[in-house]
């Protein structure tokens, strides 16, 4: 919860900052047509609403893009911006009318302007998130310190859990995509870290399997599998039920996780 509030606060602050910068620059003729107070109100409103909108759309696109998609981290914000620009154009059109900029008579031109702005900002934001994630990864200061850590507690889980705010002593159960963050579920509870699912699954490859676009499960945590109508779910040792994606069923069957 603390990480979610932190993320929400940071996102809101970022959108407000973008709105203020755009108000000072005054793109698309707003510098000449609106005084500074009106420009601030206009751009903060537009940036906040459209920023929240494009964030939701991009996260959905990122979730549904296959992991092996070339340039996936670049395509997600670009595709998301193009899709989000449809309702975002309507928001801008209404804002233009309310602030006396006139109702647009060329929606295609307005759409292209909105797409451009959303694509640039989204790509920059997601690049910064990637850089932040890399910066938060644990760094080994020397070969000696790494060797000492491995002697004390070998294995990928021992290394991975050092990335958590409070490294747990319990067992790993599963990982769950949670907005920009990854929810790490252990026998002690849940913690959030800034990490991509595909990176975490690769690091913990020897301990479990990816079972869904949004879920990874540790082998030792699987208690059974069952059908719920057309859905297939895994039951974990803590009674949690995790959905199984169709594209992952064959690999789970080969691993002996599924019955039949």
C-alpha atoms as a PDB file:
ATOM      1  CA  UNK A   1       0.000   0.000   0.000  1.00  0.00           C
ATOM      2  CA  UNK A   2       2.815   2.378   0.868  1.00  0.00           C
ATOM      3  CA  UNK A   3       4.434   1.805  -2.528  1.00  0.00           C
ATOM      4  CA  UNK A   4       1.079   2.343  -4.290  1.00  0.00           C
ATOM      5  CA  UNK A   5       0.536   5.662  -2.506  1.00  0.00           C
ATOM      6  CA  UNK A   6       4.107   6.626  -3.324  1.00  0.00           C
ATOM      7  CA  UNK A   7       3.555   5.761  -6.994  1.00  0.00           C
ATOM      8  CA  UNK A   8       0.229   7.632  -7.134  1.00  0.00           C
ATOM      9  CA  UNK A   9       1.744  10.717  -5.515  1.00  0.00           C
ATOM     10  CA  UNK A  10       4.741  10.639  -7.837  1.00  0.00           C
ATOM     11  CA  UNK A  11       2.510  10.196 -10.890  1.00  0.00           C
ATOM     12  CA  UNK A  12       0.267  13.099  -9.897  1.00  0.00           C
ATOM     13  CA  UNK A  13       3.260  15.322  -9.180  1.00  0.00           C
ATOM     14  CA  UNK A  14       4.733  14.384 -12.545  1.00  0.00           C
ATOM     15  CA  UNK A  15       1.525  15.226 -14.400  1.00  0.00           C
ATOM     16  CA  UNK A  16       1.249  18.567 -12.608  1.00  0.00           C
ATOM     17  CA  UNK A  17       4.860  19.341 -13.497  1.00  0.00           C
ATOM     18  CA  UNK A  18       4.216  18.488 -17.157  1.00  0.00           C
ATOM     19  CA  UNK A  19       1.138  20.723 -17.135  1.00  0.00           C
ATOM     20  CA  UNK A  20       3.110  23.636 -15.680  1.00  0.00           C
ATOM     21  CA  UNK A  21       5.933  23.219 -18.213  1.00  0.00           C
ATOM     22  CA  UNK A  22       3.446  23.117 -21.102  1.00  0.00           C
ATOM     23  CA  UNK A  23       1.709  26.216 -19.712  1.00  0.00           C
ATOM     24  CA  UNK A  24       5.008  28.101 -19.667  1.00  0.00           C
ATOM     25  CA  UNK A  25       5.892  26.975 -23.198  1.00  0.00           C
ATOM     26  CA  UNK A  26       2.374  27.503 -24.552  1.00  0.00           C
ATOM     27  CA  UNK A  27       2.409  25.073 -27.507  1.00  0.00           C
ATOM     28  CA  UNK A  28      -0.217  24.932 -30.278  1.00  0.00           C
ATOM     29  CA  UNK A  29      -0.910  28.651 -30.084  1.00  0.00           C
ATOM     30  CA  UNK A  30      -1.976  28.711 -26.437  1.00  0.00           C
ATOM     31  CA  UNK A  31       0.860  31.121 -25.548  1.00  0.00           C
ATOM     32  CA  UNK A  32      -0.662  33.852 -27.714  1.00  0.00           C
ATOM     33  CA  UNK A  33      -4.319  33.029 -27.080  1.00  0.00           C
ATOM     34  CA  UNK A  34      -4.395  32.578 -23.296  1.00  0.00           C
ATOM     35  CA  UNK A  35      -2.986  34.637 -20.408  1.00  0.00           C
ATOM     36  CA  UNK A  36      -0.715  32.769 -17.985  1.00  0.00           C
ATOM     37  CA  UNK A  37      -3.360  31.946 -15.311  1.00  0.00           C
ATOM     38  CA  UNK A  38      -5.744  30.539 -17.917  1.00  0.00           C
ATOM     39  CA  UNK A  39      -2.853  28.703 -19.607  1.00  0.00           C
ATOM     40  CA  UNK A  40      -1.901  27.094 -16.309  1.00  0.00           C
ATOM     41  CA  UNK A  41      -5.467  25.968 -15.651  1.00  0.00           C
ATOM     42  CA  UNK A  42      -5.871  24.687 -19.227  1.00  0.00           C
ATOM     43  CA  UNK A  43      -2.633  22.701 -19.421  1.00  0.00           C
ATOM     44  CA  UNK A  44      -2.785  21.299 -15.878  1.00  0.00           C
ATOM     45  CA  UNK A  45      -6.330  20.075 -16.560  1.00  0.00           C
ATOM     46  CA  UNK A  46      -5.468  18.587 -19.953  1.00  0.00           C
ATOM     47  CA  UNK A  47      -2.172  17.053 -18.783  1.00  0.00           C
ATOM     48  CA  UNK A  48      -3.680  15.498 -15.651  1.00  0.00           C
ATOM     49  CA  UNK A  49      -6.727  13.965 -17.338  1.00  0.00           C
ATOM     50  CA  UNK A  50      -4.933  12.771 -20.451  1.00  0.00           C
ATOM     51  CA  UNK A  51      -1.868  11.635 -18.509  1.00  0.00           C
ATOM     52  CA  UNK A  52      -3.979   9.421 -16.252  1.00  0.00           C
ATOM     53  CA  UNK A  53      -5.854   8.126 -19.301  1.00  0.00           C
ATOM     54  CA  UNK A  54      -2.776   7.232 -21.326  1.00  0.00           C
ATOM     55  CA  UNK A  55      -1.153   5.593 -18.290  1.00  0.00           C
ATOM     56  CA  UNK A  56      -4.090   3.190 -17.925  1.00  0.00           C
ATOM     57  CA  UNK A  57      -4.117   2.391 -21.653  1.00  0.00           C
ATOM     58  CA  UNK A  58      -0.350   1.843 -21.872  1.00  0.00           C
ATOM     59  CA  UNK A  59      -0.389  -0.529 -18.908  1.00  0.00           C
ATOM     60  CA  UNK A  60      -3.070  -2.588 -20.656  1.00  0.00           C
ATOM     61  CA  UNK A  61      -1.077  -2.616 -23.898  1.00  0.00           C
ATOM     62  CA  UNK A  62       2.092  -3.595 -22.014  1.00  0.00           C
ATOM     63  CA  UNK A  63       0.235  -6.458 -20.317  1.00  0.00           C
ATOM     64  CA  UNK A  64      -1.070  -7.893 -23.608  1.00  0.00           C
ATOM     65  CA  UNK A  65       2.070  -7.541 -25.716  1.00  0.00           C
ATOM     66  CA  UNK A  66       3.978 -10.855 -25.944  1.00  0.00           C
ATOM     67  CA  UNK A  67       7.264 -10.841 -24.050  1.00  0.00           C
ATOM     68  CA  UNK A  68       9.182 -11.634 -27.241  1.00  0.00           C
ATOM     69  CA  UNK A  69       7.837  -8.585 -29.115  1.00  0.00           C
ATOM     70  CA  UNK A  70      10.774  -6.641 -30.639  1.00  0.00           C
ATOM     71  CA  UNK A  71      11.231  -3.172 -29.105  1.00  0.00           C
ATOM     72  CA  UNK A  72       8.433  -3.993 -26.658  1.00  0.00           C
ATOM     73  CA  UNK A  73       9.335  -1.214 -24.221  1.00  0.00           C
ATOM     74  CA  UNK A  74       9.189   1.321 -27.056  1.00  0.00           C
ATOM     75  CA  UNK A  75       6.072  -0.054 -28.733  1.00  0.00           C
ATOM     76  CA  UNK A  76       3.961  -0.094 -25.548  1.00  0.00           C
ATOM     77  CA  UNK A  77       3.957   3.696 -24.994  1.00  0.00           C
ATOM     78  CA  UNK A  78       3.631   4.431 -28.724  1.00  0.00           C
ATOM     79  CA  UNK A  79       0.683   2.076 -29.269  1.00  0.00           C
ATOM     80  CA  UNK A  80      -0.866   3.191 -26.000  1.00  0.00           C
ATOM     81  CA  UNK A  81      -0.530   6.851 -26.978  1.00  0.00           C
ATOM     82  CA  UNK A  82      -2.194   6.224 -30.354  1.00  0.00           C
ATOM     83  CA  UNK A  83      -5.144   4.442 -28.702  1.00  0.00           C
ATOM     84  CA  UNK A  84      -5.502   6.854 -25.788  1.00  0.00           C
ATOM     85  CA  UNK A  85      -5.377   9.815 -28.169  1.00  0.00           C
ATOM     86  CA  UNK A  86      -8.912   9.025 -29.376  1.00  0.00           C
ATOM     87  CA  UNK A  87     -10.681   9.912 -26.092  1.00  0.00           C
ATOM     88  CA  UNK A  88      -7.887  12.375 -25.269  1.00  0.00           C
ATOM     89  CA  UNK A  89      -8.721  14.332 -28.423  1.00  0.00           C
ATOM     90  CA  UNK A  90     -12.292  14.678 -27.180  1.00  0.00           C
ATOM     91  CA  UNK A  91     -10.985  15.980 -23.841  1.00  0.00           C
ATOM     92  CA  UNK A  92      -8.809  18.560 -25.605  1.00  0.00           C
ATOM     93  CA  UNK A  93     -11.689  19.599 -27.884  1.00  0.00           C
ATOM     94  CA  UNK A  94     -13.963  20.215 -24.892  1.00  0.00           C
ATOM     95  CA  UNK A  95     -11.187  22.067 -23.034  1.00  0.00           C
ATOM     96  CA  UNK A  96     -10.584  24.260 -26.090  1.00  0.00           C
ATOM     97  CA  UNK A  97     -14.251  25.198 -26.180  1.00  0.00           C
ATOM     98  CA  UNK A  98     -14.462  25.882 -22.448  1.00  0.00           C
ATOM     99  CA  UNK A  99     -11.336  28.060 -22.431  1.00  0.00           C
ATOM    100  CA  UNK A 100     -12.398  30.097 -25.437  1.00  0.00           C
ATOM    101  CA  UNK A 101      -9.939  28.596 -27.905  1.00  0.00           C
ATOM    102  CA  UNK A 102     -12.755  27.611 -30.236  1.00  0.00           C
ATOM    103  CA  UNK A 103     -14.301  24.279 -31.067  1.00  0.00           C
ATOM    104  CA  UNK A 104     -12.018  22.393 -33.497  1.00  0.00           C
ATOM    105  CA  UNK A 105     -13.245  21.933 -37.052  1.00  0.00           C
ATOM    106  CA  UNK A 106     -10.337  19.650 -38.029  1.00  0.00           C
ATOM    107  CA  UNK A 107     -10.447  16.728 -35.613  1.00  0.00           C
ATOM    108  CA  UNK A 108      -7.851  14.720 -37.564  1.00  0.00           C
ATOM    109  CA  UNK A 109      -5.333  17.529 -37.203  1.00  0.00           C
ATOM    110  CA  UNK A 110      -6.124  17.836 -33.491  1.00  0.00           C
ATOM    111  CA  UNK A 111      -5.785  14.063 -33.103  1.00  0.00           C
ATOM    112  CA  UNK A 112      -2.334  14.121 -34.726  1.00  0.00           C
ATOM    113  CA  UNK A 113      -1.217  16.858 -32.334  1.00  0.00           C
ATOM    114  CA  UNK A 114      -2.520  14.922 -29.330  1.00  0.00           C
ATOM    115  CA  UNK A 115      -0.851  11.692 -30.516  1.00  0.00           C
ATOM    116  CA  UNK A 116       2.475  13.466 -30.948  1.00  0.00           C
ATOM    117  CA  UNK A 117       2.358  15.034 -27.486  1.00  0.00           C
ATOM    118  CA  UNK A 118       1.242  11.836 -25.730  1.00  0.00           C
ATOM    119  CA  UNK A 119       3.806   9.698 -27.572  1.00  0.00           C
ATOM    120  CA  UNK A 120       6.723  11.976 -26.686  1.00  0.00           C
ATOM    121  CA  UNK A 121       5.755  12.316 -23.018  1.00  0.00           C
ATOM    122  CA  UNK A 122       4.878   8.614 -22.598  1.00  0.00           C
ATOM    123  CA  UNK A 123       8.126   7.427 -24.155  1.00  0.00           C
ATOM    124  CA  UNK A 124      10.140   9.751 -21.910  1.00  0.00           C
ATOM    125  CA  UNK A 125       8.254   8.671 -18.780  1.00  0.00           C
ATOM    126  CA  UNK A 126       8.612   4.953 -19.492  1.00  0.00           C
ATOM    127  CA  UNK A 127      12.300   5.382 -20.301  1.00  0.00           C
ATOM    128  CA  UNK A 128      12.776   7.112 -16.944  1.00  0.00           C
ATOM    129  CA  UNK A 129      10.909   4.274 -15.206  1.00  0.00           C
ATOM    130  CA  UNK A 130      13.233   1.738 -16.832  1.00  0.00           C
ATOM    131  CA  UNK A 131      16.273   3.725 -15.722  1.00  0.00           C
ATOM    132  CA  UNK A 132      14.859   3.944 -12.192  1.00  0.00           C
ATOM    133  CA  UNK A 133      14.333   0.187 -12.165  1.00  0.00           C
ATOM    134  CA  UNK A 134      17.911  -0.418 -13.243  1.00  0.00           C
ATOM    135  CA  UNK A 135      19.162   1.980 -10.587  1.00  0.00           C
ATOM    136  CA  UNK A 136      17.234   0.111  -7.881  1.00  0.00           C
ATOM    137  CA  UNK A 137      18.687  -3.273  -8.769  1.00  0.00           C
ATOM    138  CA  UNK A 138      21.202  -4.484  -6.195  1.00  0.00           C
ATOM    139  CA  UNK A 139      24.819  -3.945  -7.127  1.00  0.00           C
ATOM    140  CA  UNK A 140      27.681  -6.183  -6.094  1.00  0.00           C
ATOM    141  CA  UNK A 141      30.535  -4.020  -4.925  1.00  0.00           C
ATOM    142  CA  UNK A 142      33.141  -6.712  -5.446  1.00  0.00           C
ATOM    143  CA  UNK A 143      33.588 -10.357  -6.345  1.00  0.00           C
ATOM    144  CA  UNK A 144      34.428 -10.990  -2.712  1.00  0.00           C
ATOM    145  CA  UNK A 145      31.177  -9.560  -1.346  1.00  0.00           C
ATOM    146  CA  UNK A 146      29.161 -11.534  -3.927  1.00  0.00           C
ATOM    147  CA  UNK A 147      30.947 -14.742  -2.986  1.00  0.00           C
ATOM    148  CA  UNK A 148      30.269 -14.100   0.698  1.00  0.00           C
ATOM    149  CA  UNK A 149      26.578 -13.545  -0.006  1.00  0.00           C
ATOM    150  CA  UNK A 150      26.381 -16.780  -1.968  1.00  0.00           C
ATOM    151  CA  UNK A 151      28.121 -18.722   0.814  1.00  0.00           C
ATOM    152  CA  UNK A 152      25.638 -17.435   3.359  1.00  0.00           C
ATOM    153  CA  UNK A 153      22.528 -18.068   1.254  1.00  0.00           C
ATOM    154  CA  UNK A 154      22.937 -19.431  -2.283  1.00  0.00           C
ATOM    155  CA  UNK A 155      20.262 -19.319  -4.971  1.00  0.00           C
ATOM    156  CA  UNK A 156      18.348 -16.910  -7.135  1.00  0.00           C
ATOM    157  CA  UNK A 157      15.707 -16.223  -4.448  1.00  0.00           C
ATOM    158  CA  UNK A 158      18.380 -15.164  -1.953  1.00  0.00           C
ATOM    159  CA  UNK A 159      19.670 -12.629  -4.456  1.00  0.00           C
ATOM    160  CA  UNK A 160      16.262 -11.494  -5.691  1.00  0.00           C
ATOM    161  CA  UNK A 161      14.784 -10.838  -2.252  1.00  0.00           C
ATOM    162  CA  UNK A 162      17.544  -8.363  -1.456  1.00  0.00           C
ATOM    163  CA  UNK A 163      15.716  -6.052  -3.870  1.00  0.00           C
ATOM    164  CA  UNK A 164      12.682  -5.928  -1.583  1.00  0.00           C
ATOM    165  CA  UNK A 165      12.224  -3.023   0.856  1.00  0.00           C
ATOM    166  CA  UNK A 166      12.308  -5.510   3.757  1.00  0.00           C
ATOM    167  CA  UNK A 167      14.009  -8.761   2.653  1.00  0.00           C
ATOM    168  CA  UNK A 168      11.747 -11.580   3.919  1.00  0.00           C
ATOM    169  CA  UNK A 169      12.950 -14.761   5.566  1.00  0.00           C
ATOM    170  CA  UNK A 170       9.930 -16.763   4.402  1.00  0.00           C
ATOM    171  CA  UNK A 171       9.371 -18.702   1.193  1.00  0.00           C
ATOM    172  CA  UNK A 172       8.466 -17.210  -2.169  1.00  0.00           C
ATOM    173  CA  UNK A 173       4.959 -18.036  -3.393  1.00  0.00           C
ATOM    174  CA  UNK A 174       4.275 -16.023  -6.534  1.00  0.00           C
ATOM    175  CA  UNK A 175       4.750 -12.757  -8.405  1.00  0.00           C
ATOM    176  CA  UNK A 176       1.915 -10.567  -9.663  1.00  0.00           C
ATOM    177  CA  UNK A 177       1.979  -7.596 -12.024  1.00  0.00           C
ATOM    178  CA  UNK A 178       0.673  -4.558 -10.180  1.00  0.00           C
ATOM    179  CA  UNK A 179       0.578  -1.395 -12.314  1.00  0.00           C
ATOM    180  CA  UNK A 180       4.214  -0.355 -12.870  1.00  0.00           C
ATOM    181  CA  UNK A 181       5.260  -2.473  -9.927  1.00  0.00           C
ATOM    182  CA  UNK A 182       5.637  -6.170  -9.227  1.00  0.00           C
ATOM    183  CA  UNK A 183       3.898  -7.632  -6.180  1.00  0.00           C
ATOM    184  CA  UNK A 184       6.123 -10.244  -4.534  1.00  0.00           C
ATOM    185  CA  UNK A 185       3.987 -12.635  -2.461  1.00  0.00           C
ATOM    186  CA  UNK A 186       5.761 -14.675   0.220  1.00  0.00           C
ATOM    187  CA  UNK A 187       4.644 -16.663   3.257  1.00  0.00           C
ATOM    188  CA  UNK A 188       5.156 -13.425   5.211  1.00  0.00           C
ATOM    189  CA  UNK A 189       2.955 -11.194   3.058  1.00  0.00           C
ATOM    190  CA  UNK A 190       3.282  -8.926   0.030  1.00  0.00           C
ATOM    191  CA  UNK A 191       5.819  -6.277  -0.989  1.00  0.00           C
ATOM    192  CA  UNK A 192       6.032  -4.140  -4.131  1.00  0.00           C
ATOM    193  CA  UNK A 193       9.135  -3.429  -6.187  1.00  0.00           C
ATOM    194  CA  UNK A 194       9.716  -1.630  -9.461  1.00  0.00           C
ATOM    195  CA  UNK A 195      10.493  -4.512 -11.812  1.00  0.00           C
ATOM    196  CA  UNK A 196       9.244  -5.997 -15.079  1.00  0.00           C
ATOM    197  CA  UNK A 197       7.644  -9.416 -14.901  1.00  0.00           C
ATOM    198  CA  UNK A 198       9.820 -10.814 -17.687  1.00  0.00           C
ATOM    199  CA  UNK A 199      12.997  -9.736 -15.871  1.00  0.00           C
ATOM    200  CA  UNK A 200      11.882 -11.274 -12.578  1.00  0.00           C
ATOM    201  CA  UNK A 201      10.793 -14.513 -14.269  1.00  0.00           C
ATOM    202  CA  UNK A 202      14.187 -14.751 -15.943  1.00  0.00           C
ATOM    203  CA  UNK A 203      16.032 -14.194 -12.655  1.00  0.00           C
ATOM    204  CA  UNK A 204      13.935 -16.819 -10.856  1.00  0.00           C
ATOM    205  CA  UNK A 205      13.817 -19.284 -13.748  1.00  0.00           C
ATOM    206  CA  UNK A 206      15.129 -22.156 -11.607  1.00  0.00           C
ATOM    207  CA  UNK A 207      12.414 -21.733  -8.965  1.00  0.00           C
ATOM    208  CA  UNK A 208       9.158 -21.606 -10.903  1.00  0.00           C
ATOM    209  CA  UNK A 209       7.251 -20.823 -14.075  1.00  0.00           C
ATOM    210  CA  UNK A 210       5.319 -18.028 -15.722  1.00  0.00           C
ATOM    211  CA  UNK A 211       1.657 -19.092 -15.671  1.00  0.00           C
ATOM    212  CA  UNK A 212      -0.061 -15.960 -16.988  1.00  0.00           C
ATOM    213  CA  UNK A 213       0.871 -12.599 -18.459  1.00  0.00           C
ATOM    214  CA  UNK A 214       0.436 -11.167 -14.982  1.00  0.00           C
ATOM    215  CA  UNK A 215       1.533 -14.101 -12.809  1.00  0.00           C
ATOM    216  CA  UNK A 216       4.615 -16.189 -12.006  1.00  0.00           C
ATOM    217  CA  UNK A 217       4.418 -19.058  -9.487  1.00  0.00           C
ATOM    218  CA  UNK A 218       7.108 -20.862  -7.497  1.00  0.00           C
ATOM    219  CA  UNK A 219       7.146 -24.635  -8.029  1.00  0.00           C
ATOM    220  CA  UNK A 220       7.194 -25.326  -4.294  1.00  0.00           C
ATOM    221  CA  UNK A 221       4.062 -23.208  -3.794  1.00  0.00           C
ATOM    222  CA  UNK A 222       1.769 -25.249  -6.078  1.00  0.00           C
ATOM    223  CA  UNK A 223      -0.788 -27.363  -4.208  1.00  0.00           C
ATOM    224  CA  UNK A 224      -2.952 -28.341  -7.174  1.00  0.00           C
ATOM    225  CA  UNK A 225      -4.873 -27.273 -10.271  1.00  0.00           C
ATOM    226  CA  UNK A 226      -8.571 -27.224 -11.134  1.00  0.00           C
ATOM    227  CA  UNK A 227     -11.044 -25.913 -13.683  1.00  0.00           C
ATOM    228  CA  UNK A 228     -13.580 -23.179 -13.014  1.00  0.00           C
ATOM    229  CA  UNK A 229     -15.810 -23.306 -16.072  1.00  0.00           C
ATOM    230  CA  UNK A 230     -13.566 -22.416 -18.998  1.00  0.00           C
ATOM    231  CA  UNK A 231     -10.868 -21.106 -16.672  1.00  0.00           C
ATOM    232  CA  UNK A 232      -7.959 -23.086 -15.310  1.00  0.00           C
ATOM    233  CA  UNK A 233      -6.496 -22.039 -11.969  1.00  0.00           C
ATOM    234  CA  UNK A 234      -3.647 -23.126  -9.740  1.00  0.00           C
ATOM    235  CA  UNK A 235      -4.237 -23.471  -6.015  1.00  0.00           C
ATOM    236  CA  UNK A 236      -1.210 -22.496  -3.947  1.00  0.00           C
ATOM    237  CA  UNK A 237      -0.231 -23.718  -0.492  1.00  0.00           C
ATOM    238  CA  UNK A 238      -1.709 -20.558   1.060  1.00  0.00           C
ATOM    239  CA  UNK A 239      -5.099 -21.338  -0.612  1.00  0.00           C
ATOM    240  CA  UNK A 240      -4.586 -18.510  -3.109  1.00  0.00           C
ATOM    241  CA  UNK A 241      -5.930 -19.197  -6.618  1.00  0.00           C
ATOM    242  CA  UNK A 242      -3.899 -18.023  -9.600  1.00  0.00           C
ATOM    243  CA  UNK A 243      -5.269 -17.964 -13.183  1.00  0.00           C
ATOM    244  CA  UNK A 244      -3.484 -19.929 -15.886  1.00  0.00           C
ATOM    245  CA  UNK A 245      -3.202 -18.306 -19.315  1.00  0.00           C
ATOM    246  CA  UNK A 246      -3.936 -20.442 -22.373  1.00  0.00           C
ATOM    247  CA  UNK A 247      -0.506 -19.824 -23.891  1.00  0.00           C
ATOM    248  CA  UNK A 248       1.194 -21.173 -20.751  1.00  0.00           C
ATOM    249  CA  UNK A 249      -0.824 -24.367 -20.293  1.00  0.00           C
ATOM    250  CA  UNK A 250       1.372 -26.654 -22.379  1.00  0.00           C
ATOM    251  CA  UNK A 251       4.564 -25.704 -20.544  1.00  0.00           C
ATOM    252  CA  UNK A 252       2.803 -26.223 -17.197  1.00  0.00           C
ATOM    253  CA  UNK A 253       1.476 -29.590 -18.347  1.00  0.00           C
ATOM    254  CA  UNK A 254       4.976 -30.662 -19.357  1.00  0.00           C
ATOM    255  CA  UNK A 255       6.228 -29.578 -15.949  1.00  0.00           C
ATOM    256  CA  UNK A 256       3.589 -31.777 -14.302  1.00  0.00           C
ATOM    257  CA  UNK A 257       1.666 -28.910 -12.723  1.00  0.00           C
ATOM    258  CA  UNK A 258      -1.665 -29.745 -14.396  1.00  0.00           C
ATOM    259  CA  UNK A 259      -3.832 -32.809 -14.027  1.00  0.00           C
ATOM    260  CA  UNK A 260      -4.679 -34.290 -17.421  1.00  0.00           C
END
